[in-house]
Amino acid sequence: MRKHMDKEQIQQERLDLLSQINEILDFPLILLSIVWLILIIVDFVYGLSSRLQTASTVIWGIFIADFFVELYIAPKKKVYLKENWLVALSLFLPALRILKLFRGFRLFKLSSFIRSFNLARILSSFNRSIRTVRKAVRQRGLEYVLLLTALVTSIGAAGMYSFERPGLSSYWDAFWWTAMIMTTIGSDYWPETFEGRILTFFLSVYAFAIFGYITAALASLLIGKEKEESSKEIVELRKEVQRLSSEISRFSEKEKKQI
């Protein structure tokens, strides 16, 4: 019985320590996540210089260190890995860059492998975006959804531009195309690559899931403003009625005094 209590106490202490570490590192990791996501977009669109590539690698190393520290402290490591397997995947994928250095790598065609690798990077970066926005915006309302949608659109556009060149001739063309997908309006262009079609499918699923919520939230916001304006008009009307009532009362008193 005592051993069981000691074990529960140790687990609780580990959870408390994990919570304290997350509280301390939340803000710096949010900033680094935003920088890392921006670097991913720049990498897909323009490529990274050696300095920016070094910065991206350093940030990646910090994420790995944070992940393994949390894994070490977590009282139930299997549960932690089960809940954070997408995080582990997003941290593992950049390590596959080393395969680009081996020209003798012939298990797959190199170009096909690179496109598949980039697709996996894009999808895992969506997970990083969700974690970043979730930490940055505590209340998951309209602000949370709009910020997340902006990140998903920006990263998705970078991926579509990388996969669909020259069909999408610039990043801004890809951004416009992705925005049309996100608003469920659609576009005349249809992806030609397998990776582009897969990415389009995930963007469409996200848009379908979130567009209804955004529309309802905006409608509620507009209706709320109308209600607020109506309530202000009612308050002003009440004040005017009270003013007129007081003037009538004063006039009645004067009439009585004159009589």
C-alpha atoms as a PDB file:
ATOM      1  CA  MET A   1       0.000   0.000   0.000  1.00  0.00           C
ATOM      2  CA  ARG A   2       2.797   2.389   0.948  1.00  0.00           C
ATOM      3  CA  LYS A   3       4.741   1.594  -2.229  1.00  0.00           C
ATOM      4  CA  HIS A   4       1.629   2.318  -4.261  1.00  0.00           C
ATOM      5  CA  MET A   5       1.217   5.693  -2.518  1.00  0.00           C
ATOM      6  CA  ASP A   6       4.889   6.519  -3.054  1.00  0.00           C
ATOM      7  CA  LYS A   7       4.544   5.675  -6.751  1.00  0.00           C
ATOM      8  CA  GLU A   8       1.493   7.933  -7.101  1.00  0.00           C
ATOM      9  CA  GLN A   9       3.324  10.725  -5.272  1.00  0.00           C
ATOM     10  CA  ILE A  10       6.315  10.426  -7.631  1.00  0.00           C
ATOM     11  CA  GLN A  11       4.008  10.488 -10.645  1.00  0.00           C
ATOM     12  CA  GLN A  12       2.267  13.601  -9.319  1.00  0.00           C
ATOM     13  CA  GLU A  13       5.620  15.291  -8.682  1.00  0.00           C
ATOM     14  CA  ARG A  14       6.686  14.489 -12.244  1.00  0.00           C
ATOM     15  CA  LEU A  15       3.424  15.943 -13.603  1.00  0.00           C
ATOM     16  CA  ASP A  16       3.920  19.095 -11.512  1.00  0.00           C
ATOM     17  CA  LEU A  17       7.502  19.445 -12.780  1.00  0.00           C
ATOM     18  CA  LEU A  18       6.346  18.924 -16.368  1.00  0.00           C
ATOM     19  CA  SER A  19       3.680  21.594 -15.901  1.00  0.00           C
ATOM     20  CA  GLN A  20       6.243  24.038 -14.480  1.00  0.00           C
ATOM     21  CA  ILE A  21       8.648  23.440 -17.375  1.00  0.00           C
ATOM     22  CA  ASN A  22       5.858  23.972 -19.912  1.00  0.00           C
ATOM     23  CA  GLU A  23       4.827  27.189 -18.179  1.00  0.00           C
ATOM     24  CA  ILE A  24       8.399  28.533 -18.270  1.00  0.00           C
ATOM     25  CA  LEU A  25       9.168  27.501 -21.869  1.00  0.00           C
ATOM     26  CA  ASP A  26       5.768  28.198 -23.447  1.00  0.00           C
ATOM     27  CA  PHE A  27       6.472  31.739 -24.668  1.00  0.00           C
ATOM     28  CA  PRO A  28      10.014  31.115 -26.035  1.00  0.00           C
ATOM     29  CA  LEU A  29       8.848  27.946 -27.803  1.00  0.00           C
ATOM     30  CA  ILE A  30       5.885  29.801 -29.324  1.00  0.00           C
ATOM     31  CA  LEU A  31       8.247  32.399 -30.800  1.00  0.00           C
ATOM     32  CA  LEU A  32      10.625  29.707 -32.075  1.00  0.00           C
ATOM     33  CA  SER A  33       7.696  27.782 -33.591  1.00  0.00           C
ATOM     34  CA  ILE A  34       6.548  30.866 -35.495  1.00  0.00           C
ATOM     35  CA  VAL A  35      10.084  31.473 -36.784  1.00  0.00           C
ATOM     36  CA  TRP A  36      10.420  27.803 -37.754  1.00  0.00           C
ATOM     37  CA  LEU A  37       7.121  27.833 -39.665  1.00  0.00           C
ATOM     38  CA  ILE A  38       8.205  30.979 -41.507  1.00  0.00           C
ATOM     39  CA  LEU A  39      11.503  29.298 -42.413  1.00  0.00           C
ATOM     40  CA  ILE A  40       9.591  26.274 -43.772  1.00  0.00           C
ATOM     41  CA  ILE A  41       7.579  28.580 -46.049  1.00  0.00           C
ATOM     42  CA  VAL A  42      10.718  30.402 -47.200  1.00  0.00           C
ATOM     43  CA  ASP A  43      12.453  27.051 -47.798  1.00  0.00           C
ATOM     44  CA  PHE A  44       9.661  25.804 -50.076  1.00  0.00           C
ATOM     45  CA  VAL A  45       9.324  29.058 -51.993  1.00  0.00           C
ATOM     46  CA  TYR A  46      12.868  30.450 -52.289  1.00  0.00           C
ATOM     47  CA  GLY A  47      15.179  27.988 -50.551  1.00  0.00           C
ATOM     48  CA  LEU A  48      17.257  28.762 -47.457  1.00  0.00           C
ATOM     49  CA  SER A  49      20.678  30.348 -47.336  1.00  0.00           C
ATOM     50  CA  SER A  50      23.351  28.630 -45.264  1.00  0.00           C
ATOM     51  CA  ARG A  51      22.705  30.957 -42.308  1.00  0.00           C
ATOM     52  CA  LEU A  52      18.960  30.435 -42.377  1.00  0.00           C
ATOM     53  CA  GLN A  53      19.465  26.687 -42.760  1.00  0.00           C
ATOM     54  CA  THR A  54      21.710  26.761 -39.679  1.00  0.00           C
ATOM     55  CA  ALA A  55      19.056  28.744 -37.763  1.00  0.00           C
ATOM     56  CA  SER A  56      16.395  26.215 -38.792  1.00  0.00           C
ATOM     57  CA  THR A  57      18.612  23.329 -37.658  1.00  0.00           C
ATOM     58  CA  VAL A  58      19.301  24.998 -34.296  1.00  0.00           C
ATOM     59  CA  ILE A  59      15.580  25.558 -33.682  1.00  0.00           C
ATOM     60  CA  TRP A  60      14.904  21.964 -34.687  1.00  0.00           C
ATOM     61  CA  GLY A  61      17.530  20.821 -32.158  1.00  0.00           C
ATOM     62  CA  ILE A  62      15.840  22.879 -29.415  1.00  0.00           C
ATOM     63  CA  PHE A  63      12.496  21.240 -30.200  1.00  0.00           C
ATOM     64  CA  ILE A  64      14.093  17.789 -30.033  1.00  0.00           C
ATOM     65  CA  ALA A  65      15.733  18.581 -26.682  1.00  0.00           C
ATOM     66  CA  ASP A  66      12.417  19.869 -25.296  1.00  0.00           C
ATOM     67  CA  PHE A  67      10.606  16.751 -26.537  1.00  0.00           C
ATOM     68  CA  PHE A  68      13.083  14.327 -24.926  1.00  0.00           C
ATOM     69  CA  VAL A  69      13.156  16.288 -21.639  1.00  0.00           C
ATOM     70  CA  GLU A  70       9.346  16.074 -21.459  1.00  0.00           C
ATOM     71  CA  LEU A  71       9.473  12.399 -22.412  1.00  0.00           C
ATOM     72  CA  TYR A  72      12.025  11.724 -19.647  1.00  0.00           C
ATOM     73  CA  ILE A  73       9.962  13.561 -17.008  1.00  0.00           C
ATOM     74  CA  ALA A  74       6.573  12.173 -18.109  1.00  0.00           C
ATOM     75  CA  PRO A  75       5.402   9.530 -15.568  1.00  0.00           C
ATOM     76  CA  LYS A  76       3.820   7.372 -18.290  1.00  0.00           C
ATOM     77  CA  LYS A  77       6.078   7.439 -21.313  1.00  0.00           C
ATOM     78  CA  LYS A  78       3.911   5.219 -23.519  1.00  0.00           C
ATOM     79  CA  VAL A  79       0.921   7.479 -22.913  1.00  0.00           C
ATOM     80  CA  TYR A  80       3.045  10.546 -23.659  1.00  0.00           C
ATOM     81  CA  LEU A  81       4.309   9.042 -26.929  1.00  0.00           C
ATOM     82  CA  LYS A  82       0.788   8.006 -27.896  1.00  0.00           C
ATOM     83  CA  GLU A  83      -0.518  11.544 -27.333  1.00  0.00           C
ATOM     84  CA  ASN A  84       2.438  13.211 -29.079  1.00  0.00           C
ATOM     85  CA  TRP A  85       3.293  10.850 -31.947  1.00  0.00           C
ATOM     86  CA  LEU A  86       2.634  13.591 -34.517  1.00  0.00           C
ATOM     87  CA  VAL A  87       5.110  15.825 -32.693  1.00  0.00           C
ATOM     88  CA  ALA A  88       7.683  13.020 -32.798  1.00  0.00           C
ATOM     89  CA  LEU A  89       7.029  12.590 -36.520  1.00  0.00           C
ATOM     90  CA  SER A  90       7.465  16.310 -37.219  1.00  0.00           C
ATOM     91  CA  LEU A  91      10.784  16.239 -35.359  1.00  0.00           C
ATOM     92  CA  PHE A  92      12.014  13.077 -37.088  1.00  0.00           C
ATOM     93  CA  LEU A  93      11.292  14.163 -40.672  1.00  0.00           C
ATOM     94  CA  PRO A  94      13.974  16.887 -40.943  1.00  0.00           C
ATOM     95  CA  ALA A  95      16.585  14.207 -40.209  1.00  0.00           C
ATOM     96  CA  LEU A  96      15.717  12.595 -43.553  1.00  0.00           C
ATOM     97  CA  ARG A  97      17.354  15.547 -45.312  1.00  0.00           C
ATOM     98  CA  ILE A  98      20.622  13.642 -45.043  1.00  0.00           C
ATOM     99  CA  LEU A  99      19.350  11.207 -47.684  1.00  0.00           C
ATOM    100  CA  LYS A 100      19.591  14.008 -50.240  1.00  0.00           C
ATOM    101  CA  LEU A 101      23.362  13.851 -49.870  1.00  0.00           C
ATOM    102  CA  PHE A 102      23.546  10.272 -51.085  1.00  0.00           C
ATOM    103  CA  ARG A 103      23.304  10.300 -54.861  1.00  0.00           C
ATOM    104  CA  GLY A 104      23.534   6.515 -54.818  1.00  0.00           C
ATOM    105  CA  PHE A 105      20.235   6.280 -52.950  1.00  0.00           C
ATOM    106  CA  ARG A 106      18.141   4.271 -55.426  1.00  0.00           C
ATOM    107  CA  LEU A 107      15.369   2.658 -53.397  1.00  0.00           C
ATOM    108  CA  PHE A 108      13.089   5.298 -54.877  1.00  0.00           C
ATOM    109  CA  LYS A 109      13.592   7.871 -57.555  1.00  0.00           C
ATOM    110  CA  LEU A 110      15.257  10.790 -55.816  1.00  0.00           C
ATOM    111  CA  SER A 111      12.798  13.400 -57.111  1.00  0.00           C
ATOM    112  CA  SER A 112       9.780  11.311 -56.050  1.00  0.00           C
ATOM    113  CA  PHE A 113      11.291  10.742 -52.630  1.00  0.00           C
ATOM    114  CA  ILE A 114      11.957  14.461 -52.152  1.00  0.00           C
ATOM    115  CA  ARG A 115       8.366  15.367 -53.074  1.00  0.00           C
ATOM    116  CA  SER A 116       6.981  12.744 -50.688  1.00  0.00           C
ATOM    117  CA  PHE A 117       9.359  13.982 -47.994  1.00  0.00           C
ATOM    118  CA  ASN A 118       8.215  17.568 -48.565  1.00  0.00           C
ATOM    119  CA  LEU A 119       4.562  16.497 -48.365  1.00  0.00           C
ATOM    120  CA  ALA A 120       5.243  14.858 -45.016  1.00  0.00           C
ATOM    121  CA  ARG A 121       7.026  18.022 -43.825  1.00  0.00           C
ATOM    122  CA  ILE A 122       4.029  20.141 -44.824  1.00  0.00           C
ATOM    123  CA  LEU A 123       1.533  17.865 -43.056  1.00  0.00           C
ATOM    124  CA  SER A 124       3.663  17.688 -39.911  1.00  0.00           C
ATOM    125  CA  SER A 125       4.032  21.482 -39.945  1.00  0.00           C
ATOM    126  CA  PHE A 126       0.230  21.694 -39.789  1.00  0.00           C
ATOM    127  CA  ASN A 127       0.481  19.844 -36.484  1.00  0.00           C
ATOM    128  CA  ARG A 128       3.159  22.288 -35.308  1.00  0.00           C
ATOM    129  CA  SER A 129       0.836  25.166 -36.323  1.00  0.00           C
ATOM    130  CA  ILE A 130      -2.017  23.725 -34.255  1.00  0.00           C
ATOM    131  CA  ARG A 131       0.231  23.353 -31.193  1.00  0.00           C
ATOM    132  CA  THR A 132       1.628  26.877 -31.623  1.00  0.00           C
ATOM    133  CA  VAL A 133      -1.762  28.563 -31.976  1.00  0.00           C
ATOM    134  CA  ARG A 134      -3.225  26.450 -29.154  1.00  0.00           C
ATOM    135  CA  LYS A 135      -0.518  27.718 -26.797  1.00  0.00           C
ATOM    136  CA  ALA A 136      -0.629  31.313 -28.061  1.00  0.00           C
ATOM    137  CA  VAL A 137      -4.433  31.650 -27.876  1.00  0.00           C
ATOM    138  CA  ARG A 138      -5.768  30.144 -24.670  1.00  0.00           C
ATOM    139  CA  GLN A 139      -9.443  30.720 -25.479  1.00  0.00           C
ATOM    140  CA  ARG A 140     -10.255  28.686 -28.574  1.00  0.00           C
ATOM    141  CA  GLY A 141     -12.736  31.045 -30.154  1.00  0.00           C
ATOM    142  CA  LEU A 142     -12.841  32.931 -33.439  1.00  0.00           C
ATOM    143  CA  GLU A 143      -9.384  34.446 -32.890  1.00  0.00           C
ATOM    144  CA  TYR A 144      -7.875  30.959 -32.519  1.00  0.00           C
ATOM    145  CA  VAL A 145      -9.571  29.653 -35.672  1.00  0.00           C
ATOM    146  CA  LEU A 146      -8.646  32.679 -37.820  1.00  0.00           C
ATOM    147  CA  LEU A 147      -4.989  32.586 -36.767  1.00  0.00           C
ATOM    148  CA  LEU A 148      -4.756  28.844 -37.343  1.00  0.00           C
ATOM    149  CA  THR A 149      -6.456  29.179 -40.745  1.00  0.00           C
ATOM    150  CA  ALA A 150      -3.999  31.909 -41.770  1.00  0.00           C
ATOM    151  CA  LEU A 151      -1.056  29.655 -40.854  1.00  0.00           C
ATOM    152  CA  VAL A 152      -2.521  26.621 -42.621  1.00  0.00           C
ATOM    153  CA  THR A 153      -3.221  28.702 -45.734  1.00  0.00           C
ATOM    154  CA  SER A 154       0.316  30.143 -45.804  1.00  0.00           C
ATOM    155  CA  ILE A 155       2.013  26.773 -45.329  1.00  0.00           C
ATOM    156  CA  GLY A 156      -0.385  25.012 -47.700  1.00  0.00           C
ATOM    157  CA  ALA A 157       0.322  27.633 -50.382  1.00  0.00           C
ATOM    158  CA  ALA A 158       4.070  27.033 -49.998  1.00  0.00           C
ATOM    159  CA  GLY A 159       3.534  23.310 -50.463  1.00  0.00           C
ATOM    160  CA  MET A 160       1.275  23.763 -53.506  1.00  0.00           C
ATOM    161  CA  TYR A 161       3.786  26.122 -55.105  1.00  0.00           C
ATOM    162  CA  SER A 162       6.568  23.586 -54.532  1.00  0.00           C
ATOM    163  CA  PHE A 163       4.557  20.682 -55.986  1.00  0.00           C
ATOM    164  CA  GLU A 164       2.671  22.423 -58.801  1.00  0.00           C
ATOM    165  CA  ARG A 165       5.260  24.615 -60.497  1.00  0.00           C
ATOM    166  CA  PRO A 166       4.908  25.856 -63.240  1.00  0.00           C
ATOM    167  CA  GLY A 167       1.131  25.344 -63.044  1.00  0.00           C
ATOM    168  CA  LEU A 168       1.136  27.800 -60.143  1.00  0.00           C
ATOM    169  CA  SER A 169       3.727  30.294 -61.355  1.00  0.00           C
ATOM    170  CA  SER A 170       4.381  32.167 -58.084  1.00  0.00           C
ATOM    171  CA  TYR A 171       3.835  31.821 -54.358  1.00  0.00           C
ATOM    172  CA  TRP A 172       1.147  34.497 -54.462  1.00  0.00           C
ATOM    173  CA  ASP A 173      -0.718  32.579 -57.186  1.00  0.00           C
ATOM    174  CA  ALA A 174      -0.498  29.507 -54.956  1.00  0.00           C
ATOM    175  CA  PHE A 175      -1.641  31.570 -51.961  1.00  0.00           C
ATOM    176  CA  TRP A 176      -4.676  32.865 -53.905  1.00  0.00           C
ATOM    177  CA  TRP A 177      -5.489  29.348 -55.087  1.00  0.00           C
ATOM    178  CA  THR A 178      -5.201  27.964 -51.543  1.00  0.00           C
ATOM    179  CA  ALA A 179      -7.342  30.800 -50.168  1.00  0.00           C
ATOM    180  CA  MET A 180     -10.047  29.920 -52.696  1.00  0.00           C
ATOM    181  CA  ILE A 181      -9.891  26.299 -51.526  1.00  0.00           C
ATOM    182  CA  MET A 182     -10.105  27.423 -47.890  1.00  0.00           C
ATOM    183  CA  THR A 183     -13.215  29.497 -48.615  1.00  0.00           C
ATOM    184  CA  THR A 184     -14.714  26.501 -50.486  1.00  0.00           C
ATOM    185  CA  ILE A 185     -15.090  28.665 -53.622  1.00  0.00           C
ATOM    186  CA  GLY A 186     -12.573  26.595 -55.565  1.00  0.00           C
ATOM    187  CA  SER A 187     -10.576  27.397 -58.692  1.00  0.00           C
ATOM    188  CA  ASP A 188     -10.284  26.364 -62.334  1.00  0.00           C
ATOM    189  CA  TYR A 189      -6.816  24.895 -61.729  1.00  0.00           C
ATOM    190  CA  TRP A 190      -6.615  21.255 -60.630  1.00  0.00           C
ATOM    191  CA  PRO A 191      -3.373  19.800 -59.157  1.00  0.00           C
ATOM    192  CA  GLU A 192      -1.408  17.539 -61.481  1.00  0.00           C
ATOM    193  CA  THR A 193       1.030  15.903 -59.058  1.00  0.00           C
ATOM    194  CA  PHE A 194       0.100  13.146 -56.621  1.00  0.00           C
ATOM    195  CA  GLU A 195       1.498  15.143 -53.681  1.00  0.00           C
ATOM    196  CA  GLY A 196      -0.449  18.236 -54.739  1.00  0.00           C
ATOM    197  CA  ARG A 197      -3.689  16.259 -54.856  1.00  0.00           C
ATOM    198  CA  ILE A 198      -3.066  14.767 -51.407  1.00  0.00           C
ATOM    199  CA  LEU A 199      -2.344  18.211 -49.978  1.00  0.00           C
ATOM    200  CA  THR A 200      -5.453  19.613 -51.688  1.00  0.00           C
ATOM    201  CA  PHE A 201      -7.534  16.868 -50.080  1.00  0.00           C
ATOM    202  CA  PHE A 202      -6.295  17.761 -46.579  1.00  0.00           C
ATOM    203  CA  LEU A 203      -6.809  21.484 -47.203  1.00  0.00           C
ATOM    204  CA  SER A 204     -10.355  20.801 -48.420  1.00  0.00           C
ATOM    205  CA  VAL A 205     -11.140  18.667 -45.360  1.00  0.00           C
ATOM    206  CA  TYR A 206      -9.848  21.428 -43.082  1.00  0.00           C
ATOM    207  CA  ALA A 207     -11.841  24.060 -45.010  1.00  0.00           C
ATOM    208  CA  PHE A 208     -15.022  21.969 -44.853  1.00  0.00           C
ATOM    209  CA  ALA A 209     -14.602  21.458 -41.104  1.00  0.00           C
ATOM    210  CA  ILE A 210     -13.799  25.058 -40.237  1.00  0.00           C
ATOM    211  CA  PHE A 211     -15.603  27.261 -42.786  1.00  0.00           C
ATOM    212  CA  GLY A 212     -19.035  26.659 -41.255  1.00  0.00           C
ATOM    213  CA  TYR A 213     -17.725  27.645 -37.830  1.00  0.00           C
ATOM    214  CA  ILE A 214     -16.135  30.866 -39.155  1.00  0.00           C
ATOM    215  CA  THR A 215     -19.334  31.821 -41.016  1.00  0.00           C
ATOM    216  CA  ALA A 216     -21.474  31.195 -37.920  1.00  0.00           C
ATOM    217  CA  ALA A 217     -19.040  33.108 -35.691  1.00  0.00           C
ATOM    218  CA  LEU A 218     -18.952  36.123 -38.027  1.00  0.00           C
ATOM    219  CA  ALA A 219     -22.760  36.110 -38.300  1.00  0.00           C
ATOM    220  CA  SER A 220     -23.024  35.940 -34.512  1.00  0.00           C
ATOM    221  CA  LEU A 221     -20.530  38.792 -34.210  1.00  0.00           C
ATOM    222  CA  LEU A 222     -22.541  40.982 -36.605  1.00  0.00           C
ATOM    223  CA  ILE A 223     -25.821  40.147 -34.884  1.00  0.00           C
ATOM    224  CA  GLY A 224     -24.177  40.872 -31.552  1.00  0.00           C
ATOM    225  CA  LYS A 225     -23.166  44.342 -32.781  1.00  0.00           C
ATOM    226  CA  GLU A 226     -26.715  45.000 -33.963  1.00  0.00           C
ATOM    227  CA  LYS A 227     -28.043  43.946 -30.556  1.00  0.00           C
ATOM    228  CA  GLU A 228     -25.506  46.202 -28.861  1.00  0.00           C
ATOM    229  CA  GLU A 229     -26.554  49.156 -31.026  1.00  0.00           C
ATOM    230  CA  SER A 230     -30.221  48.394 -30.332  1.00  0.00           C
ATOM    231  CA  SER A 231     -29.586  48.252 -26.598  1.00  0.00           C
ATOM    232  CA  LYS A 232     -27.790  51.633 -26.750  1.00  0.00           C
ATOM    233  CA  GLU A 233     -30.747  53.151 -28.589  1.00  0.00           C
ATOM    234  CA  ILE A 234     -33.108  51.744 -25.952  1.00  0.00           C
ATOM    235  CA  VAL A 235     -30.998  53.217 -23.144  1.00  0.00           C
ATOM    236  CA  GLU A 236     -30.944  56.634 -24.844  1.00  0.00           C
ATOM    237  CA  LEU A 237     -34.712  56.452 -25.411  1.00  0.00           C
ATOM    238  CA  ARG A 238     -35.274  55.671 -21.730  1.00  0.00           C
ATOM    239  CA  LYS A 239     -33.131  58.649 -20.732  1.00  0.00           C
ATOM    240  CA  GLU A 240     -35.124  60.900 -23.058  1.00  0.00           C
ATOM    241  CA  VAL A 241     -38.408  59.624 -21.622  1.00  0.00           C
ATOM    242  CA  GLN A 242     -37.138  60.246 -18.070  1.00  0.00           C
ATOM    243  CA  ARG A 243     -36.066  63.756 -19.045  1.00  0.00           C
ATOM    244  CA  LEU A 244     -39.457  64.538 -20.566  1.00  0.00           C
ATOM    245  CA  SER A 245     -41.199  63.049 -17.540  1.00  0.00           C
ATOM    246  CA  SER A 246     -39.187  65.244 -15.156  1.00  0.00           C
ATOM    247  CA  GLU A 247     -39.957  68.365 -17.242  1.00  0.00           C
ATOM    248  CA  ILE A 248     -43.668  67.523 -17.234  1.00  0.00           C
ATOM    249  CA  SER A 249     -43.516  67.079 -13.452  1.00  0.00           C
ATOM    250  CA  ARG A 250     -41.819  70.472 -12.995  1.00  0.00           C
ATOM    251  CA  PHE A 251     -44.366  72.128 -15.298  1.00  0.00           C
ATOM    252  CA  SER A 252     -47.243  70.571 -13.314  1.00  0.00           C
ATOM    253  CA  GLU A 253     -45.787  71.854 -10.029  1.00  0.00           C
ATOM    254  CA  LYS A 254     -45.498  75.395 -11.437  1.00  0.00           C
ATOM    255  CA  GLU A 255     -49.116  75.276 -12.608  1.00  0.00           C
ATOM    256  CA  LYS A 256     -50.235  74.190  -9.155  1.00  0.00           C
ATOM    257  CA  LYS A 257     -48.321  77.011  -7.475  1.00  0.00           C
ATOM    258  CA  GLN A 258     -49.855  79.586  -9.812  1.00  0.00           C
ATOM    259  CA  ILE A 259     -53.348  78.297  -9.029  1.00  0.00           C
END
